[in-house]
């Protein structure tokens, strides 16, 4: 097959040379087009080189005093908080869980002994109105010299699922946490940065918005694409104010959100990713690219997905997402079955209260006889019947109730009849 293609290419090349040689106009046209193409590529390469060497480099150390990180109690946000603290920033942590915020503060002090200061604020971005969130954030951040804002908080699907399987509560949470939190927090911090004419606004997006397609996560990728578009449009108006705007688009990192536990070359740890992210911020330029994937392997995967035909990418990526969905559904079924078994075991282990009294005692004995018959054990002789006067069964002992010396009542006859039938039962033979 390869030899055939090589022969075809040679034949086509010879035919083209023959046509060009026979027609001077065609020869001239092909030559001019080739020269223009090479000139364009040379000019583009030269422009990028000069732009890189001569453009202003961002100085992270002169941004300000505080670095604000949302979603800072776990994953990428926590690692970025530690990395920025090592750069000399005071850290302002924002998350929804007060207990985990307090724990993260202790871990920050342990990881960075030279930490200058740390504050925290408990905010649930999925709750409340835009006005209430703005007022809460503005009251907490007002008056602080904020140099870096990291919009990191985000949520995803419980697992890969078709869009028609997505419930409205999850959809509302995706919009509130992934989109509204970024817009509101940036709106709170941006006026102070513009007034001081320095700062950096970093949005942690997702590679899902950059790859060719992300089936079974379409709503999540759409919310992350909103963050990328927001940064791309915000950068031109911030460049004149010395404010750097970047949107970082990682792929899989070892976080709870991605459900990846083991670090690898394609899935870095949060600490490794944070180190690359801070380096990208330090090397950022006001007229440089806005959307960046800090980890080099992620950049390569994104470029590859956009270079190959979309149908080929979907043929590779869709089965992977479907496999994730199948495993998640199977795991949910196993959890439901396990929970059902535990509930059944608890019900069986709970002792049942039996009724008292003469008739109640007979009912208890009948229950014991049923159990003995099931176990194929010979039942014991029933105890002698108590005095008929103590019988409380409504409708029994109509003739002997309350009479002393009654030997057998209707209830006793029924009970003895049951005993006789049990002894004749096949299980007791």
Protein backbone atom coordinates (compact mmCIF):
# COMPACT_ATOMS: atom_id res chain seq x y z
CA UNK A 1 0.00 0.00 0.00
CA UNK A 2 2.83 2.36 0.88
CA UNK A 3 4.66 1.54 -2.36
CA UNK A 4 1.49 2.24 -4.33
CA UNK A 5 1.03 5.65 -2.64
CA UNK A 6 4.67 6.51 -3.30
CA UNK A 7 4.32 5.65 -6.99
CA UNK A 8 1.12 7.73 -7.21
CA UNK A 9 2.85 10.71 -5.61
CA UNK A 10 5.76 10.46 -8.04
CA UNK A 11 3.40 10.23 -11.01
CA UNK A 12 1.41 13.23 -9.80
CA UNK A 13 4.57 15.24 -9.20
CA UNK A 14 5.94 14.48 -12.66
CA UNK A 15 2.62 15.37 -14.25
CA UNK A 16 2.49 18.68 -12.35
CA UNK A 17 6.02 19.54 -13.42
CA UNK A 18 5.10 18.79 -17.00
CA UNK A 19 2.05 21.06 -16.84
CA UNK A 20 4.01 23.87 -15.17
CA UNK A 21 6.83 23.55 -17.66
CA UNK A 22 4.46 23.67 -20.61
CA UNK A 23 2.63 26.78 -19.33
CA UNK A 24 4.80 29.70 -18.13
CA UNK A 25 1.79 31.44 -16.57
CA UNK A 26 1.08 28.49 -14.29
CA UNK A 27 4.75 28.28 -13.40
CA UNK A 28 4.85 31.94 -12.44
CA UNK A 29 1.63 31.72 -10.41
CA UNK A 30 2.80 28.73 -8.39
CA UNK A 31 6.14 30.41 -7.70
CA UNK A 32 4.53 33.65 -6.49
CA UNK A 33 2.05 31.83 -4.23
CA UNK A 34 4.82 29.78 -2.67
CA UNK A 35 6.92 32.87 -1.99
CA UNK A 36 3.95 34.70 -0.43
CA UNK A 37 3.23 31.75 1.84
CA UNK A 38 6.83 31.57 3.04
CA UNK A 39 6.93 35.34 3.55
CA UNK A 40 3.77 35.27 5.66
CA UNK A 41 5.10 32.52 7.89
CA UNK A 42 8.42 34.33 8.30
CA UNK A 43 6.73 37.61 9.25
CA UNK A 44 4.46 35.89 11.78
CA UNK A 45 7.39 34.13 13.42
CA UNK A 46 9.43 37.35 13.54
CA UNK A 47 6.52 39.30 15.04
CA UNK A 48 6.00 36.75 17.79
CA UNK A 49 9.71 36.72 18.62
CA UNK A 50 9.94 40.52 18.82
CA UNK A 51 6.70 40.68 20.81
CA UNK A 52 8.00 38.17 23.32
CA UNK A 53 11.32 39.95 23.78
CA UNK A 54 10.04 43.52 23.91
CA UNK A 55 6.66 43.28 25.66
CA UNK A 56 6.31 44.10 29.33
CA UNK A 57 6.68 41.15 31.68
CA UNK A 58 4.28 40.87 34.57
CA UNK A 59 5.77 41.43 38.03
CA UNK A 60 3.79 39.32 40.47
CA UNK A 61 5.58 40.66 43.52
CA UNK A 62 4.29 44.21 43.00
CA UNK A 63 0.63 43.30 42.58
CA UNK A 64 -0.53 43.85 46.12
CA UNK A 65 -0.68 42.49 49.62
CA UNK A 66 -3.43 39.87 49.49
CA UNK A 67 -4.20 36.92 47.22
CA UNK A 68 -7.88 35.94 47.25
CA UNK A 69 -8.62 32.30 46.37
CA UNK A 70 -12.14 30.91 46.03
CA UNK A 71 -12.74 27.19 46.52
CA UNK A 72 -9.57 27.15 48.59
CA UNK A 73 -10.14 24.22 50.95
CA UNK A 74 -9.34 21.45 48.50
CA UNK A 75 -7.72 20.56 45.20
CA UNK A 76 -6.25 23.18 42.91
CA UNK A 77 -7.47 26.10 45.02
CA UNK A 78 -5.72 24.86 48.13
CA UNK A 79 -2.49 24.16 46.24
CA UNK A 80 -2.57 27.63 44.64
CA UNK A 81 -3.10 29.21 48.06
CA UNK A 82 0.02 27.47 49.35
CA UNK A 83 2.04 28.42 46.25
CA UNK A 84 1.00 32.08 46.47
CA UNK A 85 1.74 32.14 50.20
CA UNK A 86 5.29 31.00 49.41
CA UNK A 87 5.56 34.01 47.08
CA UNK A 88 4.96 36.33 50.03
CA UNK A 89 1.24 37.04 49.74
CA UNK A 90 -1.22 37.17 52.58
CA UNK A 91 -4.00 34.71 51.78
CA UNK A 92 -7.76 35.28 51.87
CA UNK A 93 -9.59 31.96 51.66
CA UNK A 94 -13.19 31.71 50.44
CA UNK A 95 -15.17 28.49 50.64
CA UNK A 96 -18.54 27.28 51.93
CA UNK A 97 -17.47 25.10 54.88
CA UNK A 98 -16.29 27.01 58.01
CA UNK A 99 -14.71 23.90 59.60
CA UNK A 100 -12.67 23.10 56.52
CA UNK A 101 -11.63 26.75 56.24
CA UNK A 102 -10.26 26.63 59.78
CA UNK A 103 -8.43 23.39 58.98
CA UNK A 104 -6.96 24.89 55.79
CA UNK A 105 -5.68 27.89 57.75
CA UNK A 106 -3.80 25.56 60.08
CA UNK A 107 -2.38 23.63 57.14
CA UNK A 108 -1.24 26.86 55.49
CA UNK A 109 0.64 27.91 58.62
CA UNK A 110 2.25 24.46 58.78
CA UNK A 111 3.21 24.42 55.08
CA UNK A 112 4.47 28.03 55.01
CA UNK A 113 6.03 29.02 58.36
CA UNK A 114 6.80 32.49 56.98
CA UNK A 115 3.13 33.14 56.14
CA UNK A 116 2.39 36.80 56.76
CA UNK A 117 -1.31 36.39 57.44
CA UNK A 118 -4.44 34.51 56.49
CA UNK A 119 -8.15 35.33 56.57
CA UNK A 120 -11.20 33.37 55.55
CA UNK A 121 -14.85 33.80 54.64
CA UNK A 122 -17.55 31.13 54.43
CA UNK A 123 -19.70 31.69 51.32
CA UNK A 124 -21.95 29.22 49.51
CA UNK A 125 -22.07 30.46 45.92
CA UNK A 126 -24.92 28.09 45.07
CA UNK A 127 -27.24 29.87 47.51
CA UNK A 128 -28.61 33.39 47.71
CA UNK A 129 -29.12 36.10 45.15
CA UNK A 130 -26.49 38.00 43.20
CA UNK A 131 -27.11 41.10 45.35
CA UNK A 132 -26.66 39.21 48.63
CA UNK A 133 -23.46 37.53 47.44
CA UNK A 134 -22.03 40.84 46.27
CA UNK A 135 -22.85 42.52 49.59
CA UNK A 136 -21.30 39.69 51.60
CA UNK A 137 -18.08 39.65 49.56
CA UNK A 138 -17.80 43.42 49.39
CA UNK A 139 -18.13 43.76 53.16
CA UNK A 140 -15.37 41.19 53.75
CA UNK A 141 -12.91 42.38 51.07
CA UNK A 142 -13.45 46.11 51.36
CA UNK A 143 -10.29 48.04 52.17
CA UNK A 144 -7.86 45.19 51.47
CA UNK A 145 -4.92 45.63 49.09
CA UNK A 146 -5.80 42.70 46.83
CA UNK A 147 -3.13 41.89 44.29
CA UNK A 148 -4.25 38.51 42.93
CA UNK A 149 -7.73 37.05 42.53
CA UNK A 150 -8.05 33.35 41.72
CA UNK A 151 -11.57 32.36 40.69
CA UNK A 152 -11.20 28.65 41.31
CA UNK A 153 -14.49 27.47 42.83
CA UNK A 154 -16.41 25.10 40.58
CA UNK A 155 -18.64 22.03 40.40
CA UNK A 156 -19.16 19.33 37.80
CA UNK A 157 -21.51 16.45 37.06
CA UNK A 158 -21.88 13.63 39.60
CA UNK A 159 -20.70 11.43 36.74
CA UNK A 160 -20.85 11.36 32.96
CA UNK A 161 -24.48 11.53 31.83
CA UNK A 162 -26.61 12.49 28.88
CA UNK A 163 -28.02 16.00 28.95
CA UNK A 164 -31.62 14.74 29.26
CA UNK A 165 -30.58 12.91 32.46
CA UNK A 166 -29.34 16.12 34.10
CA UNK A 167 -31.69 17.33 36.83
CA UNK A 168 -32.57 21.01 37.16
CA UNK A 169 -30.96 21.35 40.59
CA UNK A 170 -27.57 20.30 39.22
CA UNK A 171 -28.02 22.59 36.22
CA UNK A 172 -28.77 25.57 38.47
CA UNK A 173 -25.76 24.72 40.62
CA UNK A 174 -23.47 24.59 37.58
CA UNK A 175 -24.56 28.08 36.51
CA UNK A 176 -24.41 29.59 40.01
CA UNK A 177 -21.04 28.17 41.07
CA UNK A 178 -19.15 28.09 37.76
CA UNK A 179 -20.41 31.32 36.18
CA UNK A 180 -22.04 33.63 38.70
CA UNK A 181 -19.30 33.22 41.31
CA UNK A 182 -16.64 34.33 38.81
CA UNK A 183 -18.60 37.36 37.63
CA UNK A 184 -19.60 38.53 41.13
CA UNK A 185 -16.20 38.06 42.78
CA UNK A 186 -14.40 39.80 39.92
CA UNK A 187 -16.92 42.65 40.09
CA UNK A 188 -16.09 43.11 43.79
CA UNK A 189 -12.30 43.09 43.34
CA UNK A 190 -11.90 44.83 39.97
CA UNK A 191 -12.60 48.47 41.04
CA UNK A 192 -9.83 48.41 43.66
CA UNK A 193 -7.31 46.95 41.21
CA UNK A 194 -8.24 49.55 38.58
CA UNK A 195 -7.82 52.34 41.12
CA UNK A 196 -4.39 51.07 42.22
CA UNK A 197 -3.49 50.26 38.59
CA UNK A 198 -2.06 46.82 39.38
CA UNK A 199 -3.27 43.29 39.93
CA UNK A 200 -3.97 39.91 38.39
CA UNK A 201 -7.31 38.18 37.76
CA UNK A 202 -6.99 34.44 37.20
CA UNK A 203 -9.93 32.22 36.31
CA UNK A 204 -9.48 28.46 36.59
CA UNK A 205 -11.53 27.12 33.70
CA UNK A 206 -11.31 23.68 32.16
CA UNK A 207 -9.79 22.01 29.16
CA UNK A 208 -13.31 20.74 28.47
CA UNK A 209 -14.03 24.12 26.86
CA UNK A 210 -10.93 23.90 24.66
CA UNK A 211 -10.91 20.37 23.31
CA UNK A 212 -12.84 19.54 20.15
CA UNK A 213 -15.87 18.25 22.09
CA UNK A 214 -16.73 16.96 25.55
CA UNK A 215 -19.77 14.67 25.22
CA UNK A 216 -21.78 13.71 28.33
CA UNK A 217 -20.41 16.82 30.08
CA UNK A 218 -21.88 19.44 27.75
CA UNK A 219 -23.39 21.76 30.42
CA UNK A 220 -20.16 21.72 32.44
CA UNK A 221 -18.03 22.56 29.40
CA UNK A 222 -20.47 25.35 28.49
CA UNK A 223 -20.09 27.02 31.90
CA UNK A 224 -16.31 26.77 31.67
CA UNK A 225 -16.40 28.24 28.16
CA UNK A 226 -18.24 31.22 29.67
CA UNK A 227 -15.29 31.86 32.00
CA UNK A 228 -12.84 31.61 29.09
CA UNK A 229 -14.87 34.07 27.00
CA UNK A 230 -15.17 36.43 29.97
CA UNK A 231 -11.38 36.57 30.44
CA UNK A 232 -10.73 36.99 26.72
CA UNK A 233 -13.04 40.00 26.60
CA UNK A 234 -11.87 41.48 29.92
CA UNK A 235 -8.15 41.48 29.09
CA UNK A 236 -8.19 44.36 26.53
CA UNK A 237 -9.85 46.77 28.95
CA UNK A 238 -7.55 45.73 31.81
CA UNK A 239 -4.23 45.94 29.93
CA UNK A 240 -4.14 49.74 30.12
CA UNK A 241 -4.67 49.50 33.91
CA UNK A 242 -1.73 47.09 34.41
CA UNK A 243 -4.09 44.26 35.35
CA UNK A 244 -3.22 40.81 34.02
CA UNK A 245 -6.13 38.57 33.06
CA UNK A 246 -5.65 34.87 32.39
CA UNK A 247 -7.91 31.84 32.06
CA UNK A 248 -6.16 28.59 32.96
CA UNK A 249 -7.66 25.53 31.29
CA UNK A 250 -6.33 22.32 32.87
CA UNK A 251 -7.39 18.83 31.97
CA UNK A 252 -7.41 16.07 34.60
CA UNK A 253 -5.64 16.83 37.90
CA UNK A 254 -5.69 14.67 41.05
CA UNK A 255 -8.70 16.33 42.71
CA UNK A 256 -12.04 15.19 44.11
CA UNK A 257 -13.76 16.95 41.23
CA UNK A 258 -11.98 14.81 38.64
CA UNK A 259 -12.17 11.68 40.86
CA UNK A 260 -8.53 10.96 39.97
CA UNK A 261 -6.37 9.76 42.86
CA UNK A 262 -3.12 8.60 41.26
CA UNK A 263 -0.79 11.19 39.74
CA UNK A 264 0.80 10.44 36.37
CA UNK A 265 2.41 12.26 33.49
CA UNK A 266 -0.98 13.19 32.00
CA UNK A 267 -2.64 13.73 35.40
CA UNK A 268 -0.38 15.86 37.60
CA UNK A 269 -0.80 16.33 41.33
CA UNK A 270 -2.30 19.58 42.59
CA UNK A 271 1.09 20.74 43.86
CA UNK A 272 2.74 20.15 40.48
CA UNK A 273 -0.05 21.93 38.66
CA UNK A 274 0.03 24.89 41.08
CA UNK A 275 3.77 25.32 40.52
CA UNK A 276 3.25 25.50 36.75
CA UNK A 277 0.27 27.84 37.15
CA UNK A 278 2.19 30.35 39.27
CA UNK A 279 5.06 30.25 36.76
CA UNK A 280 2.61 31.05 33.95
CA UNK A 281 1.29 34.04 35.93
CA UNK A 282 4.81 35.31 36.58
CA UNK A 283 5.69 34.98 32.89
CA UNK A 284 2.42 36.54 31.77
CA UNK A 285 2.26 39.55 29.49
CA UNK A 286 -0.49 42.10 29.12
CA UNK A 287 -0.58 41.59 25.36
CA UNK A 288 0.02 37.86 25.55
CA UNK A 289 -2.49 35.02 25.21
CA UNK A 290 -5.37 35.00 27.68
CA UNK A 291 -6.33 31.33 27.56
CA UNK A 292 -3.46 29.13 28.74
CA UNK A 293 -3.07 25.55 29.87
CA UNK A 294 -0.20 25.77 32.40
CA UNK A 295 0.82 22.11 32.33
CA UNK A 296 2.70 21.26 29.13
CA UNK A 297 1.16 17.78 28.68
CA UNK A 298 -2.32 19.29 28.82
CA UNK A 299 -1.33 21.85 26.20
CA UNK A 300 -0.16 19.06 23.92
CA UNK A 301 -3.39 17.08 24.32
CA UNK A 302 -5.54 20.14 23.60
CA UNK A 303 -3.52 20.97 20.49
CA UNK A 304 -3.78 17.37 19.30
CA UNK A 305 -7.55 17.24 19.82
CA UNK A 306 -8.01 20.40 17.77
CA UNK A 307 -5.61 19.27 15.04
CA UNK A 308 -7.33 15.99 14.18
CA UNK A 309 -10.76 15.86 12.50
CA UNK A 310 -13.66 16.30 14.91
CA UNK A 311 -15.28 13.02 13.89
CA UNK A 312 -12.09 11.14 14.66
CA UNK A 313 -11.87 12.80 18.09
CA UNK A 314 -15.49 11.94 18.87
CA UNK A 315 -14.94 8.33 17.81
CA UNK A 316 -12.09 8.16 20.34
CA UNK A 317 -13.57 10.23 23.20
CA UNK A 318 -17.28 9.27 23.24
CA UNK A 319 -16.72 5.57 24.09
CA UNK A 320 -14.50 6.67 26.97
CA UNK A 321 -17.28 8.88 28.40
CA UNK A 322 -19.85 6.12 27.93
CA UNK A 323 -17.60 3.73 29.83
CA UNK A 324 -17.36 6.22 32.71
CA UNK A 325 -21.16 6.46 32.78
CA UNK A 326 -21.62 2.68 32.85
CA UNK A 327 -19.18 2.25 35.73
CA UNK A 328 -20.83 5.05 37.71
CA UNK A 329 -24.32 3.59 37.27
CA UNK A 330 -23.09 0.14 38.26
CA UNK A 331 -21.49 1.58 41.39
CA UNK A 332 -24.73 3.36 42.31
CA UNK A 333 -26.69 0.12 41.93
CA UNK A 334 -24.24 -1.68 44.20
CA UNK A 335 -24.57 1.04 46.83
CA UNK A 336 -28.38 0.80 46.73
CA UNK A 337 -28.25 -2.99 47.15
CA UNK A 338 -25.77 -2.73 50.00
CA UNK A 339 -27.95 -0.19 51.78
CA UNK A 340 -31.02 -2.39 51.31
CA UNK A 341 -29.22 -5.40 52.78
CA UNK A 342 -28.08 -3.38 55.79
CA UNK A 343 -31.61 -2.13 56.45
CA UNK A 344 -32.97 -5.69 56.22
CA UNK A 345 -30.30 -6.91 58.61
CA UNK A 346 -31.17 -4.19 61.11
CA UNK A 347 -34.87 -5.07 60.97
CA UNK A 348 -34.14 -8.76 61.59
CA UNK A 349 -31.79 -8.02 64.47
CA UNK A 350 -34.35 -5.81 66.23
CA UNK A 351 -36.18 -7.87 68.94
CA UNK A 352 -39.96 -7.98 68.47
CA UNK A 353 -42.21 -7.46 71.48
CA UNK A 354 -44.70 -10.28 72.03
CA UNK A 355 -48.13 -9.83 73.64
CA UNK A 356 -48.76 -10.84 77.25
CA UNK A 357 -51.64 -12.58 78.95
CA UNK A 358 -52.98 -16.09 78.60
CA UNK A 359 -54.07 -15.75 74.96
CA UNK A 360 -50.93 -13.76 74.25
CA UNK A 361 -48.87 -16.53 75.80
CA UNK A 362 -50.60 -19.08 73.57
CA UNK A 363 -49.85 -16.92 70.51
CA UNK A 364 -46.20 -16.74 71.60
CA UNK A 365 -46.05 -20.48 71.97
CA UNK A 366 -47.58 -20.96 68.53
CA UNK A 367 -44.88 -18.70 67.11
CA UNK A 368 -42.22 -20.80 68.79
CA UNK A 369 -43.78 -23.94 67.37
CA UNK A 370 -43.64 -22.43 63.89
CA UNK A 371 -39.93 -21.78 64.40
CA UNK A 372 -39.35 -25.31 65.69
CA UNK A 373 -41.21 -26.78 62.74
CA UNK A 374 -39.01 -24.79 60.40
CA UNK A 375 -35.89 -26.11 62.13
CA UNK A 376 -37.29 -29.70 62.23
CA UNK A 377 -36.99 -29.83 66.02
CA UNK A 378 -39.49 -31.68 68.22
CA UNK A 379 -41.52 -29.13 70.23
CA UNK A 380 -41.73 -29.24 73.96
CA UNK A 381 -44.98 -29.99 75.73
CA UNK A 382 -46.97 -26.81 76.27
CA UNK A 383 -47.25 -25.54 79.84
CA UNK A 384 -50.53 -26.13 81.68
CA UNK A 385 -53.21 -23.63 80.93
CA UNK A 386 -53.65 -20.85 83.44
CA UNK A 387 -56.95 -20.29 85.17
CA UNK A 388 -59.70 -19.32 82.73
CA UNK A 389 -60.49 -16.29 84.86
CA UNK A 390 -57.35 -14.52 83.63
CA UNK A 391 -58.26 -15.00 79.96
CA UNK A 392 -58.80 -11.64 78.26
CA UNK A 393 -59.59 -12.90 74.77
CA UNK A 394 -62.77 -11.24 73.49
CA UNK A 395 -65.28 -13.82 72.38
CA UNK A 396 -63.62 -16.85 73.96
CA UNK A 397 -64.65 -18.72 77.09
CA UNK A 398 -68.26 -17.49 76.85
CA UNK A 399 -69.42 -20.13 79.28
CA UNK A 400 -66.52 -20.47 81.66
CA UNK A 401 -65.28 -16.85 82.06
CA UNK A 402 -65.01 -15.90 85.66
CA UNK A 403 -65.96 -19.36 86.96
CA UNK A 404 -63.66 -21.13 89.37
CA UNK A 405 -62.60 -24.66 88.55
CA UNK A 406 -63.13 -24.45 84.80
CA UNK A 407 -60.82 -27.06 83.33
CA UNK A 408 -61.00 -26.42 79.61
CA UNK A 409 -62.24 -23.34 77.79
CA UNK A 410 -62.76 -22.70 74.13
CA UNK A 411 -59.30 -21.05 73.91
CA UNK A 412 -57.59 -24.08 75.45
CA UNK A 413 -59.32 -26.43 73.02
CA UNK A 414 -58.15 -24.34 70.08
CA UNK A 415 -54.61 -24.28 71.46
CA UNK A 416 -54.45 -28.04 71.94
CA UNK A 417 -55.85 -28.53 68.45
CA UNK A 418 -52.98 -26.45 67.08
CA UNK A 419 -50.49 -28.56 69.02
CA UNK A 420 -51.95 -31.74 67.53
CA UNK A 421 -51.78 -30.33 64.00
CA UNK A 422 -48.13 -29.33 64.47
CA UNK A 423 -47.17 -32.81 65.58
CA UNK A 424 -48.76 -34.20 62.42
CA UNK A 425 -46.94 -31.67 60.23
CA UNK A 426 -44.50 -33.29 57.72
CA UNK A 427 -41.68 -31.09 58.99
CA UNK A 428 -42.04 -32.63 62.43
CA UNK A 429 -42.01 -36.25 61.22
